[in-house]
């Protein structure tokens, strides 16, 4: 895969391969999934990854503000 191909989010590794940025959760089979937050990042290494629980917490925190 060329460097240009790796810039498109669809070509990035699955976010479950990285720990959650907020809580450090490591994914394994049967656990909650992880999601990329920054689909506009240039590289997948720069994109933030959160587990679904932390993503939900961030959404609730924004809604309360």
C-alpha atoms as a PDB file:
ATOM      1  CA  UNK A   1       0.000   0.000   0.000  1.00  0.00           C
ATOM      2  CA  UNK A   2       1.399   3.375  -0.946  1.00  0.00           C
ATOM      3  CA  UNK A   3       1.526   6.286   1.457  1.00  0.00           C
ATOM      4  CA  UNK A   4      -1.221   8.070  -0.513  1.00  0.00           C
ATOM      5  CA  UNK A   5      -3.535   5.051  -0.197  1.00  0.00           C
ATOM      6  CA  UNK A   6      -3.055   4.965   3.575  1.00  0.00           C
ATOM      7  CA  UNK A   7      -4.443   8.519   3.877  1.00  0.00           C
ATOM      8  CA  UNK A   8      -8.016   7.459   3.169  1.00  0.00           C
ATOM      9  CA  UNK A   9      -9.857   6.370   6.359  1.00  0.00           C
ATOM     10  CA  UNK A  10     -11.314   3.322   4.617  1.00  0.00           C
ATOM     11  CA  UNK A  11      -7.748   2.009   4.185  1.00  0.00           C
ATOM     12  CA  UNK A  12      -6.704   2.573   7.799  1.00  0.00           C
ATOM     13  CA  UNK A  13      -6.269  -0.388  10.172  1.00  0.00           C
ATOM     14  CA  UNK A  14      -9.346  -1.229  12.214  1.00  0.00           C
ATOM     15  CA  UNK A  15      -9.563   1.067  15.272  1.00  0.00           C
ATOM     16  CA  UNK A  16      -9.840  -1.991  17.542  1.00  0.00           C
ATOM     17  CA  UNK A  17      -6.098  -2.460  16.981  1.00  0.00           C
ATOM     18  CA  UNK A  18      -5.413   0.683  19.073  1.00  0.00           C
ATOM     19  CA  UNK A  19      -6.201   1.418  22.742  1.00  0.00           C
ATOM     20  CA  UNK A  20      -8.822   3.954  23.781  1.00  0.00           C
ATOM     21  CA  UNK A  21      -7.315   7.419  24.167  1.00  0.00           C
ATOM     22  CA  UNK A  22      -9.372   8.268  27.264  1.00  0.00           C
ATOM     23  CA  UNK A  23      -9.479   5.100  29.377  1.00  0.00           C
ATOM     24  CA  UNK A  24      -6.746   2.935  27.825  1.00  0.00           C
ATOM     25  CA  UNK A  25      -9.154   0.065  27.101  1.00  0.00           C
ATOM     26  CA  UNK A  26      -7.586  -2.649  24.942  1.00  0.00           C
ATOM     27  CA  UNK A  27     -10.029  -4.426  22.646  1.00  0.00           C
ATOM     28  CA  UNK A  28     -10.370  -8.223  22.509  1.00  0.00           C
ATOM     29  CA  UNK A  29     -13.085 -10.480  21.088  1.00  0.00           C
ATOM     30  CA  UNK A  30     -16.434  -9.885  22.776  1.00  0.00           C
ATOM     31  CA  UNK A  31     -15.472  -6.465  24.163  1.00  0.00           C
ATOM     32  CA  UNK A  32     -16.766  -3.011  23.252  1.00  0.00           C
ATOM     33  CA  UNK A  33     -15.524  -1.718  19.939  1.00  0.00           C
ATOM     34  CA  UNK A  34     -13.309   1.272  19.250  1.00  0.00           C
ATOM     35  CA  UNK A  35     -13.938   4.087  16.762  1.00  0.00           C
ATOM     36  CA  UNK A  36     -11.816   6.702  15.012  1.00  0.00           C
ATOM     37  CA  UNK A  37     -12.767  10.287  15.852  1.00  0.00           C
ATOM     38  CA  UNK A  38     -10.609  12.130  13.321  1.00  0.00           C
ATOM     39  CA  UNK A  39     -11.524  10.843   9.877  1.00  0.00           C
ATOM     40  CA  UNK A  40      -9.956  13.960   8.396  1.00  0.00           C
ATOM     41  CA  UNK A  41      -6.512  13.268   9.913  1.00  0.00           C
ATOM     42  CA  UNK A  42      -3.708  12.826   7.406  1.00  0.00           C
ATOM     43  CA  UNK A  43      -2.551   9.507   8.880  1.00  0.00           C
ATOM     44  CA  UNK A  44      -4.255   6.894  11.021  1.00  0.00           C
ATOM     45  CA  UNK A  45      -1.458   7.298  13.599  1.00  0.00           C
ATOM     46  CA  UNK A  46      -2.642  10.894  14.116  1.00  0.00           C
ATOM     47  CA  UNK A  47      -6.324  10.052  14.446  1.00  0.00           C
ATOM     48  CA  UNK A  48      -7.789   9.703  17.927  1.00  0.00           C
ATOM     49  CA  UNK A  49      -9.446   6.416  18.906  1.00  0.00           C
ATOM     50  CA  UNK A  50     -12.086   6.013  21.618  1.00  0.00           C
ATOM     51  CA  UNK A  51     -14.037   3.024  22.878  1.00  0.00           C
ATOM     52  CA  UNK A  52     -17.792   3.422  22.502  1.00  0.00           C
ATOM     53  CA  UNK A  53     -18.262   4.102  26.230  1.00  0.00           C
ATOM     54  CA  UNK A  54     -15.797   6.989  26.266  1.00  0.00           C
ATOM     55  CA  UNK A  55     -17.256   8.356  23.054  1.00  0.00           C
ATOM     56  CA  UNK A  56     -20.708   8.320  24.649  1.00  0.00           C
ATOM     57  CA  UNK A  57     -19.347  10.050  27.780  1.00  0.00           C
ATOM     58  CA  UNK A  58     -17.853  12.802  25.635  1.00  0.00           C
ATOM     59  CA  UNK A  59     -21.189  13.231  23.870  1.00  0.00           C
ATOM     60  CA  UNK A  60     -23.057  13.547  27.170  1.00  0.00           C
ATOM     61  CA  UNK A  61     -20.496  16.052  28.484  1.00  0.00           C
ATOM     62  CA  UNK A  62     -20.972  18.230  25.389  1.00  0.00           C
ATOM     63  CA  UNK A  63     -24.755  18.024  25.673  1.00  0.00           C
ATOM     64  CA  UNK A  64     -24.651  19.228  29.288  1.00  0.00           C
ATOM     65  CA  UNK A  65     -22.616  22.336  28.392  1.00  0.00           C
END
